Amino acid sequence: MAKIRGCELPEDLYYFAEKHVWARPMGDGIVRIGMNTVAGKLAGGKLNAVTVRAKNIGAEIPAGKSVATVESSKYVGPVPAPVAGVLKRANDKLAADPNLAITDPYGEGWIVELAPANWDADKAGLLTGPYGLAAYKAKLEADNISCE
């Protein structure tokens, strides 16, 4: 796991850096989506709620559109989909403990799973690997964001 400006960012994930969310292919045509440590820091480090509307399960979600809403004392806003696809499942554990999205963002704190419409094309627009993290680092520096 890379540590950039105090933020932990695994190299194997695909990042939608503008919105600080990640995507991980899970196999069987499913991609898991969550917030990264940068988003947790920007939200104030403690979440009051993570909400996925039940009516959205099974719906087609365009890339960049909300798959969930996060609420903290400092922020209320969307968690955008880094890729387009059909929303398949929400992480039920977040209802009981929304802070999992911050305390374990790459493990138990994932937010939703979706079946991407065109993963191969969409992943090309996301940052990944050492080069992607170098680009993400430049963004964090330009925006003066640190997790420390």
Protein backbone atom coordinates (compact mmCIF):
# COMPACT_ATOMS: atom_id res chain seq x y z
CA MET A 1 0.00 0.00 0.00
CA ALA A 2 1.34 3.43 -0.96
CA LYS A 3 1.24 6.29 1.50
CA ILE A 4 0.89 9.66 -0.25
CA ARG A 5 0.71 12.83 1.85
CA GLY A 6 -0.34 10.62 4.76
CA CYS A 7 -3.16 8.98 2.75
CA GLU A 8 -3.10 5.20 2.28
CA LEU A 9 -3.81 4.27 -1.35
CA PRO A 10 -3.44 0.66 -2.56
CA GLU A 11 -1.76 0.41 -5.97
CA ASP A 12 -4.12 -2.31 -7.23
CA LEU A 13 -7.28 -0.20 -7.13
CA TYR A 14 -8.71 2.03 -9.84
CA TYR A 15 -9.24 5.61 -8.63
CA PHE A 16 -11.67 8.29 -9.73
CA ALA A 17 -9.35 10.87 -8.22
CA GLU A 18 -11.59 13.88 -8.76
CA LYS A 19 -14.12 12.41 -6.32
CA HIS A 20 -11.79 10.25 -4.17
CA VAL A 21 -13.52 6.95 -4.84
CA TRP A 22 -12.10 3.61 -5.93
CA ALA A 23 -13.16 0.57 -7.93
CA ARG A 24 -11.94 -3.02 -7.57
CA PRO A 25 -12.82 -5.82 -10.02
CA MET A 26 -14.16 -8.74 -7.96
CA GLY A 27 -14.57 -11.33 -10.71
CA ASP A 28 -17.84 -12.59 -12.18
CA GLY A 29 -18.37 -9.19 -13.84
CA ILE A 30 -18.71 -7.30 -10.55
CA VAL A 31 -16.84 -4.17 -9.48
CA ARG A 32 -16.76 -3.08 -5.83
CA ILE A 33 -16.78 0.68 -5.12
CA GLY A 34 -15.79 2.63 -2.03
CA MET A 35 -14.39 5.89 -0.73
CA ASN A 36 -10.66 6.20 -0.17
CA THR A 37 -8.79 7.64 2.81
CA VAL A 38 -8.72 11.07 1.15
CA ALA A 39 -12.54 11.17 1.08
CA GLY A 40 -12.64 10.13 4.72
CA LYS A 41 -10.31 12.95 5.68
CA LEU A 42 -12.30 15.50 3.68
CA ALA A 43 -15.55 14.30 5.31
CA GLY A 44 -14.12 15.06 8.74
CA GLY A 45 -12.98 11.59 9.77
CA LYS A 46 -16.33 10.39 11.16
CA LEU A 47 -19.50 9.49 9.26
CA ASN A 48 -23.02 9.68 10.63
CA ALA A 49 -24.60 7.74 7.75
CA VAL A 50 -23.96 6.06 4.40
CA THR A 51 -27.19 5.68 2.45
CA VAL A 52 -27.90 3.65 -0.67
CA ARG A 53 -31.50 3.92 -1.82
CA ALA A 54 -33.04 0.45 -2.14
CA LYS A 55 -34.91 1.57 -5.27
CA ASN A 56 -31.53 2.05 -6.99
CA ILE A 57 -30.60 -1.64 -6.69
CA GLY A 58 -30.96 -3.02 -10.21
CA ALA A 59 -30.85 0.45 -11.78
CA GLU A 60 -28.36 1.52 -14.41
CA ILE A 61 -26.04 4.16 -13.00
CA PRO A 62 -24.06 6.39 -15.37
CA ALA A 63 -20.40 7.04 -14.55
CA GLY A 64 -20.10 10.03 -12.25
CA LYS A 65 -23.66 9.72 -10.89
CA SER A 66 -24.35 8.99 -7.23
CA VAL A 67 -24.54 5.42 -5.92
CA ALA A 68 -24.79 6.52 -2.28
CA THR A 69 -24.88 9.53 0.02
CA VAL A 70 -22.50 10.06 2.92
CA GLU A 71 -23.22 12.30 5.87
CA SER A 72 -20.87 13.65 8.51
CA SER A 73 -21.01 16.69 10.75
CA LYS A 74 -18.83 18.43 8.15
CA TYR A 75 -20.17 17.11 4.83
CA VAL A 76 -23.26 15.68 3.10
CA GLY A 77 -22.77 14.56 -0.45
CA PRO A 78 -22.77 11.86 -3.09
CA VAL A 79 -20.48 8.92 -3.66
CA PRO A 80 -20.23 8.87 -7.45
CA ALA A 81 -19.81 5.75 -9.54
CA PRO A 82 -16.35 5.70 -11.11
CA VAL A 83 -17.78 3.58 -13.96
CA ALA A 84 -21.20 3.05 -15.53
CA GLY A 85 -23.16 -0.08 -14.70
CA VAL A 86 -26.06 -1.77 -12.98
CA LEU A 87 -26.12 -1.38 -9.20
CA LYS A 88 -26.18 -4.89 -7.76
CA ARG A 89 -25.66 -4.65 -4.01
CA ALA A 90 -25.10 -2.28 -1.12
CA ASN A 91 -22.88 -3.01 1.87
CA ASP A 92 -25.42 -3.71 4.63
CA LYS A 93 -22.74 -3.40 7.33
CA LEU A 94 -22.64 0.37 6.78
CA ALA A 95 -26.16 0.81 8.18
CA ALA A 96 -24.97 -0.33 11.62
CA ASP A 97 -21.50 1.24 11.38
CA PRO A 98 -21.12 3.92 8.68
CA ASN A 99 -17.57 4.62 9.91
CA LEU A 100 -16.40 1.36 8.33
CA ALA A 101 -16.24 3.42 5.12
CA ILE A 102 -13.47 5.43 6.81
CA THR A 103 -11.85 3.01 9.28
CA ASP A 104 -11.61 0.13 6.78
CA PRO A 105 -12.23 1.78 3.39
CA TYR A 106 -10.56 -0.94 1.30
CA GLY A 107 -11.94 -3.92 3.24
CA GLU A 108 -15.23 -4.12 5.15
CA GLY A 109 -16.06 -0.46 4.40
CA TRP A 110 -16.82 -0.81 0.67
CA ILE A 111 -20.06 0.90 -0.33
CA VAL A 112 -21.66 -0.81 -3.34
CA GLU A 113 -21.09 -3.40 -6.02
CA LEU A 114 -22.12 -2.95 -9.63
CA ALA A 115 -21.94 -4.83 -12.90
CA PRO A 116 -20.06 -2.45 -15.19
CA ALA A 117 -21.47 -1.76 -18.63
CA ASN A 118 -18.01 -1.59 -20.23
CA TRP A 119 -15.26 -2.14 -17.67
CA ASP A 120 -12.43 -2.30 -20.21
CA ALA A 121 -13.30 1.10 -21.68
CA ASP A 122 -14.19 2.77 -18.37
CA LYS A 123 -11.13 1.63 -16.44
CA ALA A 124 -8.92 3.40 -18.97
CA GLY A 125 -10.15 6.71 -17.53
CA LEU A 126 -9.21 5.79 -13.94
CA LEU A 127 -5.85 6.04 -12.16
CA THR A 128 -4.13 2.80 -11.12
CA GLY A 129 -0.71 1.35 -10.42
CA PRO A 130 2.45 3.36 -9.76
CA TYR A 131 1.80 5.83 -12.60
CA GLY A 132 -1.77 6.39 -11.47
CA LEU A 133 -0.63 7.02 -7.90
CA ALA A 134 1.98 9.48 -9.13
CA ALA A 135 -0.79 11.38 -10.93
CA TYR A 136 -2.97 11.20 -7.81
CA LYS A 137 -0.07 12.55 -5.74
CA ALA A 138 0.21 15.53 -8.11
CA LYS A 139 -3.53 16.19 -7.66
CA LEU A 140 -3.29 16.03 -3.87
CA GLU A 141 -0.33 18.41 -3.93
CA ALA A 142 -2.07 20.83 -6.30
CA ASP A 143 -5.21 20.81 -4.11
CA ASN A 144 -3.10 20.97 -0.90
CA ILE A 145 -4.80 17.87 0.54
CA SER A 146 -3.12 15.77 3.21
CA CYS A 147 -4.36 13.00 5.49
CA GLU A 148 -1.86 13.80 8.22
